[in-house]
Amino acid sequence: MPISLERRKFNIIEQLVGMQNEAIILQIENLVQDESTEVELLQALNTCVFPDSELCQLLDLREKREKQELPKQELDLLFDLIRKEEQLRLERINILGKLAQLRGISLPELAEKLGIQS
């Protein structure tokens, strides 16, 4: 016995409602995942900091270098500290880029929202 036209319409509507519910559930899951990812990125940003002791050492060596030639050992240390600081900057930029992309805004907008000065 063939299914009536009304019954087929009803079946299609039921399928659409089911698909709509699945789409809403997926959107909610994506939002939860995005929140979790954002928290992880912010935590990573907070841990990606140049230690104060090394920053002081870096500044002292730079100042000393401007006044006089550094011995090889101190010069090597200066360059190591510069490389480390640059690596941390790159990591922070990458994290900020991911965070900006996640929020759907530009890096300058994100920096302004987070109160980050260049």
C-alpha atoms as a PDB file:
ATOM      1  CA  MET A   1       0.000   0.000   0.000  1.00  0.00           C
ATOM      2  CA  PRO A   2       1.559   3.319  -1.067  1.00  0.00           C
ATOM      3  CA  ILE A   3       2.295   5.949   1.564  1.00  0.00           C
ATOM      4  CA  SER A   4       0.030   8.965   1.298  1.00  0.00           C
ATOM      5  CA  LEU A   5       1.361  12.328   0.269  1.00  0.00           C
ATOM      6  CA  GLU A   6       0.488  13.772   3.688  1.00  0.00           C
ATOM      7  CA  ARG A   7       2.419  11.025   5.465  1.00  0.00           C
ATOM      8  CA  ARG A   8       5.470  11.618   3.233  1.00  0.00           C
ATOM      9  CA  LYS A   9       5.320  15.359   4.026  1.00  0.00           C
ATOM     10  CA  PHE A  10       5.132  14.546   7.724  1.00  0.00           C
ATOM     11  CA  ASN A  11       8.139  12.189   7.434  1.00  0.00           C
ATOM     12  CA  ILE A  12      10.171  14.888   5.676  1.00  0.00           C
ATOM     13  CA  ILE A  13       9.278  17.438   8.366  1.00  0.00           C
ATOM     14  CA  GLU A  14      10.334  14.950  11.066  1.00  0.00           C
ATOM     15  CA  GLN A  15      13.651  14.422   9.290  1.00  0.00           C
ATOM     16  CA  LEU A  16      14.204  18.188   9.003  1.00  0.00           C
ATOM     17  CA  VAL A  17      13.493  18.694  12.692  1.00  0.00           C
ATOM     18  CA  GLY A  18      15.919  15.892  13.524  1.00  0.00           C
ATOM     19  CA  MET A  19      18.595  17.417  11.278  1.00  0.00           C
ATOM     20  CA  GLN A  20      17.990  20.840  12.806  1.00  0.00           C
ATOM     21  CA  ASN A  21      18.425  19.416  16.309  1.00  0.00           C
ATOM     22  CA  GLU A  22      21.656  17.693  15.263  1.00  0.00           C
ATOM     23  CA  ALA A  23      22.940  20.952  13.763  1.00  0.00           C
ATOM     24  CA  ILE A  24      22.151  22.833  16.986  1.00  0.00           C
ATOM     25  CA  ILE A  25      23.915  20.170  19.053  1.00  0.00           C
ATOM     26  CA  LEU A  26      26.988  20.399  16.786  1.00  0.00           C
ATOM     27  CA  GLN A  27      27.031  24.188  17.125  1.00  0.00           C
ATOM     28  CA  ILE A  28      26.895  23.917  20.911  1.00  0.00           C
ATOM     29  CA  GLU A  29      29.684  21.320  20.889  1.00  0.00           C
ATOM     30  CA  ASN A  30      31.790  23.624  18.686  1.00  0.00           C
ATOM     31  CA  LEU A  31      31.216  26.550  21.045  1.00  0.00           C
ATOM     32  CA  VAL A  32      32.272  24.451  24.030  1.00  0.00           C
ATOM     33  CA  GLN A  33      35.354  23.291  22.121  1.00  0.00           C
ATOM     34  CA  ASP A  34      36.169  26.879  21.137  1.00  0.00           C
ATOM     35  CA  GLU A  35      35.883  27.998  24.762  1.00  0.00           C
ATOM     36  CA  SER A  36      38.179  25.192  25.849  1.00  0.00           C
ATOM     37  CA  THR A  37      40.663  26.040  23.099  1.00  0.00           C
ATOM     38  CA  GLU A  38      40.563  29.725  24.047  1.00  0.00           C
ATOM     39  CA  VAL A  39      41.306  28.901  27.684  1.00  0.00           C
ATOM     40  CA  GLU A  40      44.219  26.686  26.615  1.00  0.00           C
ATOM     41  CA  LEU A  41      45.608  29.435  24.370  1.00  0.00           C
ATOM     42  CA  LEU A  42      45.333  32.055  27.105  1.00  0.00           C
ATOM     43  CA  GLN A  43      47.083  29.723  29.550  1.00  0.00           C
ATOM     44  CA  ALA A  44      49.839  29.085  27.004  1.00  0.00           C
ATOM     45  CA  LEU A  45      50.181  32.839  26.503  1.00  0.00           C
ATOM     46  CA  ASN A  46      50.588  33.364  30.233  1.00  0.00           C
ATOM     47  CA  THR A  47      53.325  30.746  30.485  1.00  0.00           C
ATOM     48  CA  CYS A  48      55.205  32.062  27.459  1.00  0.00           C
ATOM     49  CA  VAL A  49      57.097  34.735  29.392  1.00  0.00           C
ATOM     50  CA  PHE A  50      60.759  35.664  29.447  1.00  0.00           C
ATOM     51  CA  PRO A  51      61.956  35.177  33.045  1.00  0.00           C
ATOM     52  CA  ASP A  52      62.696  38.389  34.953  1.00  0.00           C
ATOM     53  CA  SER A  53      66.169  37.217  35.938  1.00  0.00           C
ATOM     54  CA  GLU A  54      67.102  36.576  32.305  1.00  0.00           C
ATOM     55  CA  LEU A  55      65.523  39.844  31.210  1.00  0.00           C
ATOM     56  CA  CYS A  56      67.670  41.743  33.726  1.00  0.00           C
ATOM     57  CA  GLN A  57      70.714  39.835  32.536  1.00  0.00           C
ATOM     58  CA  LEU A  58      69.878  40.617  28.914  1.00  0.00           C
ATOM     59  CA  LEU A  59      69.430  44.321  29.633  1.00  0.00           C
ATOM     60  CA  ASP A  60      72.659  44.469  31.636  1.00  0.00           C
ATOM     61  CA  LEU A  61      74.629  42.751  28.876  1.00  0.00           C
ATOM     62  CA  ARG A  62      73.164  45.052  26.211  1.00  0.00           C
ATOM     63  CA  GLU A  63      74.049  48.097  28.255  1.00  0.00           C
ATOM     64  CA  LYS A  64      77.542  46.769  28.918  1.00  0.00           C
ATOM     65  CA  ARG A  65      77.985  46.003  25.203  1.00  0.00           C
ATOM     66  CA  GLU A  66      77.087  49.578  24.289  1.00  0.00           C
ATOM     67  CA  LYS A  67      79.798  50.863  26.631  1.00  0.00           C
ATOM     68  CA  GLN A  68      82.527  48.363  25.832  1.00  0.00           C
ATOM     69  CA  GLU A  69      83.398  45.226  23.966  1.00  0.00           C
ATOM     70  CA  LEU A  70      82.209  42.091  25.726  1.00  0.00           C
ATOM     71  CA  PRO A  71      84.363  39.044  26.356  1.00  0.00           C
ATOM     72  CA  LYS A  72      83.408  36.074  24.184  1.00  0.00           C
ATOM     73  CA  GLN A  73      81.656  34.252  27.026  1.00  0.00           C
ATOM     74  CA  GLU A  74      79.405  37.227  27.806  1.00  0.00           C
ATOM     75  CA  LEU A  75      78.810  37.888  24.117  1.00  0.00           C
ATOM     76  CA  ASP A  76      77.719  34.265  23.636  1.00  0.00           C
ATOM     77  CA  LEU A  77      75.409  34.572  26.630  1.00  0.00           C
ATOM     78  CA  LEU A  78      73.948  37.797  25.229  1.00  0.00           C
ATOM     79  CA  PHE A  79      73.204  36.150  21.879  1.00  0.00           C
ATOM     80  CA  ASP A  80      71.691  33.109  23.606  1.00  0.00           C
ATOM     81  CA  LEU A  81      69.407  35.346  25.625  1.00  0.00           C
ATOM     82  CA  ILE A  82      68.446  37.330  22.511  1.00  0.00           C
ATOM     83  CA  ARG A  83      67.581  34.105  20.661  1.00  0.00           C
ATOM     84  CA  LYS A  84      65.542  32.846  23.602  1.00  0.00           C
ATOM     85  CA  GLU A  85      63.640  36.134  23.882  1.00  0.00           C
ATOM     86  CA  GLU A  86      62.957  36.187  20.133  1.00  0.00           C
ATOM     87  CA  GLN A  87      61.724  32.580  20.240  1.00  0.00           C
ATOM     88  CA  LEU A  88      59.306  33.458  23.040  1.00  0.00           C
ATOM     89  CA  ARG A  89      58.063  36.445  21.028  1.00  0.00           C
ATOM     90  CA  LEU A  90      57.390  34.198  18.044  1.00  0.00           C
ATOM     91  CA  GLU A  91      55.537  31.705  20.232  1.00  0.00           C
ATOM     92  CA  ARG A  92      53.423  34.526  21.680  1.00  0.00           C
ATOM     93  CA  ILE A  93      52.636  35.856  18.198  1.00  0.00           C
ATOM     94  CA  ASN A  94      51.597  32.375  17.056  1.00  0.00           C
ATOM     95  CA  ILE A  95      49.369  31.942  20.106  1.00  0.00           C
ATOM     96  CA  LEU A  96      47.855  35.397  19.606  1.00  0.00           C
ATOM     97  CA  GLY A  97      47.256  34.611  15.932  1.00  0.00           C
ATOM     98  CA  LYS A  98      45.393  31.423  16.811  1.00  0.00           C
ATOM     99  CA  LEU A  99      43.375  33.252  19.439  1.00  0.00           C
ATOM    100  CA  ALA A 100      42.485  36.063  17.016  1.00  0.00           C
ATOM    101  CA  GLN A 101      41.456  33.516  14.394  1.00  0.00           C
ATOM    102  CA  LEU A 102      39.329  31.668  16.929  1.00  0.00           C
ATOM    103  CA  ARG A 103      37.577  34.906  17.887  1.00  0.00           C
ATOM    104  CA  GLY A 104      37.285  36.015  14.267  1.00  0.00           C
ATOM    105  CA  ILE A 105      39.116  39.305  14.795  1.00  0.00           C
ATOM    106  CA  SER A 106      42.398  40.848  13.667  1.00  0.00           C
ATOM    107  CA  LEU A 107      45.596  40.746  15.710  1.00  0.00           C
ATOM    108  CA  PRO A 108      45.475  44.503  16.434  1.00  0.00           C
ATOM    109  CA  GLU A 109      41.885  44.157  17.673  1.00  0.00           C
ATOM    110  CA  LEU A 110      42.861  41.237  19.893  1.00  0.00           C
ATOM    111  CA  ALA A 111      45.860  43.104  21.265  1.00  0.00           C
ATOM    112  CA  GLU A 112      43.618  46.048  22.107  1.00  0.00           C
ATOM    113  CA  LYS A 113      41.037  43.815  23.821  1.00  0.00           C
ATOM    114  CA  LEU A 114      43.746  42.087  25.858  1.00  0.00           C
ATOM    115  CA  GLY A 115      45.533  45.353  26.657  1.00  0.00           C
ATOM    116  CA  ILE A 116      48.728  44.259  24.903  1.00  0.00           C
ATOM    117  CA  GLN A 117      51.059  47.018  23.771  1.00  0.00           C
ATOM    118  CA  SER A 118      53.452  46.493  20.901  1.00  0.00           C
END
